[in-house]
């Protein structure tokens, strides 16, 4: 079970401020680079710029989390239950969760798409999916795979499940913690088609963290979930 996290309010506020500032700075820098490129994408593709800027932000976020943990005199293992004593059990939980959650997630996305079509709302792919669809070189695909399958799940799970969720829960608002972090997680992916699916996915990941007490469970499930989506996009778009 997940233990109580005594996060210091001032450190949490500074972390939030740092994350939002990092997003703003990286976003502005990415836009400036894209404007400088204009229509010329021979040397540096716009999709690669978007992916590279995301990677930069994720490393900034990890640095901010490291500072946050030092303010609490905690190691990463202590803060997020990473000293797992039963790795085989966690692995089975991760595999079972992925096999269960992934098809349900696809069903929710299909349902959302059908509703949007019925309401005459434009169906647009997620920005990261668009970047993958536009990727041509092996290097671009490898960069995207590393970001989407490994780096993004680690950073997102540390922030949403590892820090933000227990911060709200331990104030005495477990339901608010569950739903607010799930909705925020889905909103950060900026796509209507995947919104309901990602809310469901976030709730499942939070339940895994609560049940196991280790962040390895949601991280592992998130990695496999993104890997399955990555492979699905490649297959559907005929990438080799």
Protein backbone atom coordinates (compact mmCIF):
# COMPACT_ATOMS: atom_id res chain seq x y z
CA UNK A 1 0.00 0.00 0.00
CA UNK A 2 1.06 3.58 -0.60
CA UNK A 3 2.36 5.34 2.50
CA UNK A 4 1.76 8.96 3.43
CA UNK A 5 4.06 11.53 1.78
CA UNK A 6 4.86 14.53 3.94
CA UNK A 7 5.62 16.94 1.09
CA UNK A 8 6.55 20.44 2.22
CA UNK A 9 4.05 22.99 0.79
CA UNK A 10 6.73 25.55 -0.09
CA UNK A 11 8.84 22.97 -1.91
CA UNK A 12 5.77 21.73 -3.78
CA UNK A 13 4.86 25.27 -4.87
CA UNK A 14 8.40 25.88 -6.10
CA UNK A 15 8.31 22.60 -8.02
CA UNK A 16 5.02 23.53 -9.69
CA UNK A 17 6.34 26.98 -10.55
CA UNK A 18 9.50 25.45 -12.00
CA UNK A 19 7.55 22.94 -14.10
CA UNK A 20 5.27 25.62 -15.58
CA UNK A 21 8.20 27.95 -16.20
CA UNK A 22 10.13 25.14 -17.87
CA UNK A 23 7.15 24.38 -20.11
CA UNK A 24 6.86 28.03 -21.09
CA UNK A 25 10.56 28.50 -21.84
CA UNK A 26 10.88 25.27 -23.84
CA UNK A 27 7.65 26.05 -25.72
CA UNK A 28 8.84 29.54 -26.66
CA UNK A 29 12.24 28.22 -27.74
CA UNK A 30 10.59 25.52 -29.87
CA UNK A 31 8.35 28.09 -31.59
CA UNK A 32 11.33 30.36 -32.30
CA UNK A 33 13.25 27.48 -33.88
CA UNK A 34 10.25 26.50 -36.02
CA UNK A 35 9.82 30.11 -37.17
CA UNK A 36 13.50 30.30 -38.06
CA UNK A 37 13.18 27.09 -40.09
CA UNK A 38 10.15 28.37 -42.00
CA UNK A 39 9.37 26.08 -44.90
CA UNK A 40 12.84 24.58 -45.05
CA UNK A 41 12.84 21.21 -43.31
CA UNK A 42 15.79 19.66 -45.13
CA UNK A 43 18.25 20.11 -42.28
CA UNK A 44 15.98 19.84 -39.25
CA UNK A 45 12.41 18.62 -39.39
CA UNK A 46 9.73 20.43 -37.41
CA UNK A 47 8.59 17.15 -35.86
CA UNK A 48 12.10 16.51 -34.59
CA UNK A 49 12.16 19.99 -33.05
CA UNK A 50 8.95 19.21 -31.16
CA UNK A 51 10.31 15.90 -29.89
CA UNK A 52 13.69 17.41 -28.96
CA UNK A 53 12.00 20.24 -27.03
CA UNK A 54 9.91 17.68 -25.15
CA UNK A 55 13.04 15.75 -24.22
CA UNK A 56 14.70 18.95 -22.96
CA UNK A 57 11.68 19.75 -20.79
CA UNK A 58 11.63 16.23 -19.35
CA UNK A 59 15.27 16.49 -18.28
CA UNK A 60 14.52 19.90 -16.75
CA UNK A 61 11.60 18.31 -14.88
CA UNK A 62 13.83 15.52 -13.56
CA UNK A 63 16.31 18.13 -12.33
CA UNK A 64 13.50 19.97 -10.55
CA UNK A 65 12.33 16.73 -8.92
CA UNK A 66 15.90 16.04 -7.75
CA UNK A 67 15.97 19.47 -6.11
CA UNK A 68 12.50 18.79 -4.62
CA UNK A 69 13.70 15.55 -3.05
CA UNK A 70 16.84 17.18 -1.63
CA UNK A 71 14.56 19.67 0.12
CA UNK A 72 12.98 16.68 1.86
CA UNK A 73 16.29 14.86 2.46
CA UNK A 74 14.94 11.86 0.55
CA UNK A 75 16.47 9.58 -2.04
CA UNK A 76 14.53 8.66 -5.18
CA UNK A 77 14.04 5.13 -3.84
CA UNK A 78 12.71 6.38 -0.50
CA UNK A 79 10.36 8.92 -2.06
CA UNK A 80 8.79 6.63 -4.65
CA UNK A 81 9.19 3.12 -3.25
CA UNK A 82 11.74 2.14 -5.85
CA UNK A 83 13.52 -0.38 -3.60
CA UNK A 84 11.27 -3.18 -4.77
CA UNK A 85 11.71 -6.44 -2.84
CA UNK A 86 9.49 -8.56 -5.11
CA UNK A 87 10.33 -7.56 -8.69
CA UNK A 88 8.77 -10.70 -10.22
CA UNK A 89 5.42 -9.87 -8.62
CA UNK A 90 5.57 -6.29 -9.89
CA UNK A 91 6.45 -7.53 -13.37
CA UNK A 92 3.41 -9.80 -13.45
CA UNK A 93 1.22 -6.95 -12.22
CA UNK A 94 2.61 -4.67 -14.95
CA UNK A 95 2.00 -7.26 -17.68
CA UNK A 96 -1.54 -8.02 -16.46
CA UNK A 97 -2.38 -4.32 -16.16
CA UNK A 98 -1.11 -3.55 -19.67
CA UNK A 99 -3.00 -6.45 -21.26
CA UNK A 100 -6.18 -5.29 -19.49
CA UNK A 101 -5.87 -1.53 -19.90
CA UNK A 102 -4.58 -1.22 -23.47
CA UNK A 103 -7.58 -2.70 -25.35
CA UNK A 104 -10.02 -0.80 -23.11
CA UNK A 105 -8.09 2.38 -23.86
CA UNK A 106 -8.36 1.72 -27.60
CA UNK A 107 -12.09 1.14 -27.20
CA UNK A 108 -12.50 4.48 -25.42
CA UNK A 109 -10.52 6.26 -28.14
CA UNK A 110 -12.68 4.63 -30.82
CA UNK A 111 -15.82 5.72 -28.96
CA UNK A 112 -14.53 9.27 -28.57
CA UNK A 113 -13.71 9.43 -32.26
CA UNK A 114 -17.18 8.21 -33.23
CA UNK A 115 -18.82 10.83 -30.98
CA UNK A 116 -16.65 13.60 -32.44
CA UNK A 117 -17.51 12.56 -35.99
CA UNK A 118 -21.21 12.49 -35.10
CA UNK A 119 -20.92 16.01 -33.65
CA UNK A 120 -18.95 17.22 -36.70
CA UNK A 121 -15.89 17.94 -34.56
CA UNK A 122 -12.59 17.70 -36.41
CA UNK A 123 -10.63 14.59 -35.43
CA UNK A 124 -6.96 15.48 -35.06
CA UNK A 125 -4.18 13.12 -34.07
CA UNK A 126 -2.16 13.75 -30.92
CA UNK A 127 0.85 16.05 -31.62
CA UNK A 128 3.34 13.32 -30.75
CA UNK A 129 1.54 10.88 -33.03
CA UNK A 130 1.68 13.43 -35.86
CA UNK A 131 5.41 13.79 -35.28
CA UNK A 132 5.87 10.02 -35.48
CA UNK A 133 3.77 9.82 -38.65
CA UNK A 134 5.99 12.46 -40.25
CA UNK A 135 9.24 10.83 -39.15
CA UNK A 136 11.24 9.45 -42.06
CA UNK A 137 14.74 8.67 -40.83
CA UNK A 138 15.69 5.89 -38.45
CA UNK A 139 17.27 8.49 -36.16
CA UNK A 140 13.99 10.39 -35.81
CA UNK A 141 12.10 7.19 -35.03
CA UNK A 142 14.73 6.10 -32.49
CA UNK A 143 14.61 9.50 -30.77
CA UNK A 144 10.83 9.36 -30.65
CA UNK A 145 10.83 5.77 -29.32
CA UNK A 146 13.30 6.62 -26.54
CA UNK A 147 11.29 9.69 -25.54
CA UNK A 148 7.84 8.10 -25.73
CA UNK A 149 8.56 4.63 -24.38
CA UNK A 150 11.14 5.36 -21.68
CA UNK A 151 11.68 8.99 -20.75
CA UNK A 152 8.11 10.33 -20.87
CA UNK A 153 6.58 7.53 -18.73
CA UNK A 154 9.26 7.98 -16.06
CA UNK A 155 8.86 11.76 -15.86
CA UNK A 156 5.06 11.73 -16.03
CA UNK A 157 4.70 9.02 -13.38
CA UNK A 158 7.09 10.80 -11.00
CA UNK A 159 5.19 14.07 -11.35
CA UNK A 160 1.56 12.96 -11.55
CA UNK A 161 1.47 9.78 -9.48
CA UNK A 162 4.64 10.19 -7.40
CA UNK A 163 4.25 13.81 -6.28
CA UNK A 164 0.99 15.55 -7.25
CA UNK A 165 -1.42 12.72 -6.39
CA UNK A 166 -0.18 12.05 -2.82
CA UNK A 167 0.18 15.80 -2.18
CA UNK A 168 -3.58 16.27 -2.65
CA UNK A 169 -4.57 12.90 -1.17
CA UNK A 170 -2.67 13.50 2.07
CA UNK A 171 -4.54 16.77 2.59
CA UNK A 172 -7.62 14.59 3.11
CA UNK A 173 -9.04 14.66 -0.43
CA UNK A 174 -8.41 11.23 -1.99
CA UNK A 175 -11.16 11.48 -4.63
CA UNK A 176 -10.11 15.00 -5.62
CA UNK A 177 -6.51 13.77 -5.85
CA UNK A 178 -7.51 10.87 -8.09
CA UNK A 179 -9.72 12.83 -10.49
CA UNK A 180 -7.78 16.10 -10.60
CA UNK A 181 -4.47 14.41 -11.45
CA UNK A 182 -6.17 12.12 -13.97
CA UNK A 183 -7.87 15.05 -15.72
CA UNK A 184 -4.68 17.13 -15.69
CA UNK A 185 -2.68 14.19 -17.04
CA UNK A 186 -5.13 13.79 -19.92
CA UNK A 187 -5.29 17.53 -20.58
CA UNK A 188 -1.50 17.85 -20.91
CA UNK A 189 -1.64 15.56 -23.95
CA UNK A 190 -3.78 18.18 -25.72
CA UNK A 191 -6.06 15.91 -27.72
CA UNK A 192 -9.84 15.37 -27.56
CA UNK A 193 -9.71 11.91 -29.12
CA UNK A 194 -7.45 10.52 -26.39
CA UNK A 195 -8.84 12.53 -23.45
CA UNK A 196 -11.31 9.98 -22.04
CA UNK A 197 -8.88 7.15 -22.72
CA UNK A 198 -6.08 8.92 -20.85
CA UNK A 199 -8.32 9.78 -17.88
CA UNK A 200 -9.13 6.08 -17.60
CA UNK A 201 -5.46 5.18 -18.00
CA UNK A 202 -4.39 7.66 -15.31
CA UNK A 203 -6.92 6.25 -12.85
CA UNK A 204 -5.58 2.75 -13.52
CA UNK A 205 -1.99 3.91 -12.98
CA UNK A 206 -2.91 5.61 -9.71
CA UNK A 207 -4.64 2.43 -8.53
CA UNK A 208 -1.49 0.47 -9.32
CA UNK A 209 0.61 2.88 -7.26
CA UNK A 210 -1.82 2.71 -4.34
CA UNK A 211 -1.98 -1.09 -4.48
CA UNK A 212 1.75 -1.81 -4.83
CA UNK A 213 3.30 1.15 -3.02
CA UNK A 214 6.04 1.35 -5.65
CA UNK A 215 6.21 3.68 -8.64
CA UNK A 216 7.77 0.86 -10.66
CA UNK A 217 4.27 -0.54 -11.26
CA UNK A 218 2.78 2.54 -13.00
CA UNK A 219 6.10 3.33 -14.70
CA UNK A 220 6.36 -0.19 -16.16
CA UNK A 221 2.71 -0.21 -17.25
CA UNK A 222 3.07 3.25 -18.81
CA UNK A 223 6.20 2.17 -20.71
CA UNK A 224 4.50 -0.94 -22.15
CA UNK A 225 1.34 1.04 -22.93
CA UNK A 226 3.34 3.62 -24.90
CA UNK A 227 5.35 0.88 -26.59
CA UNK A 228 2.14 -0.78 -27.77
CA UNK A 229 0.82 2.55 -29.07
CA UNK A 230 4.16 3.28 -30.75
CA UNK A 231 4.13 -0.09 -32.54
CA UNK A 232 0.48 0.35 -33.52
CA UNK A 233 1.13 3.75 -35.12
CA UNK A 234 4.11 2.36 -37.05
CA UNK A 235 2.09 -0.60 -38.34
CA UNK A 236 -0.93 1.52 -39.31
CA UNK A 237 1.27 3.99 -41.20
CA UNK A 238 3.43 1.36 -42.89
CA UNK A 239 6.71 2.48 -41.31
CA UNK A 240 9.61 0.08 -41.51
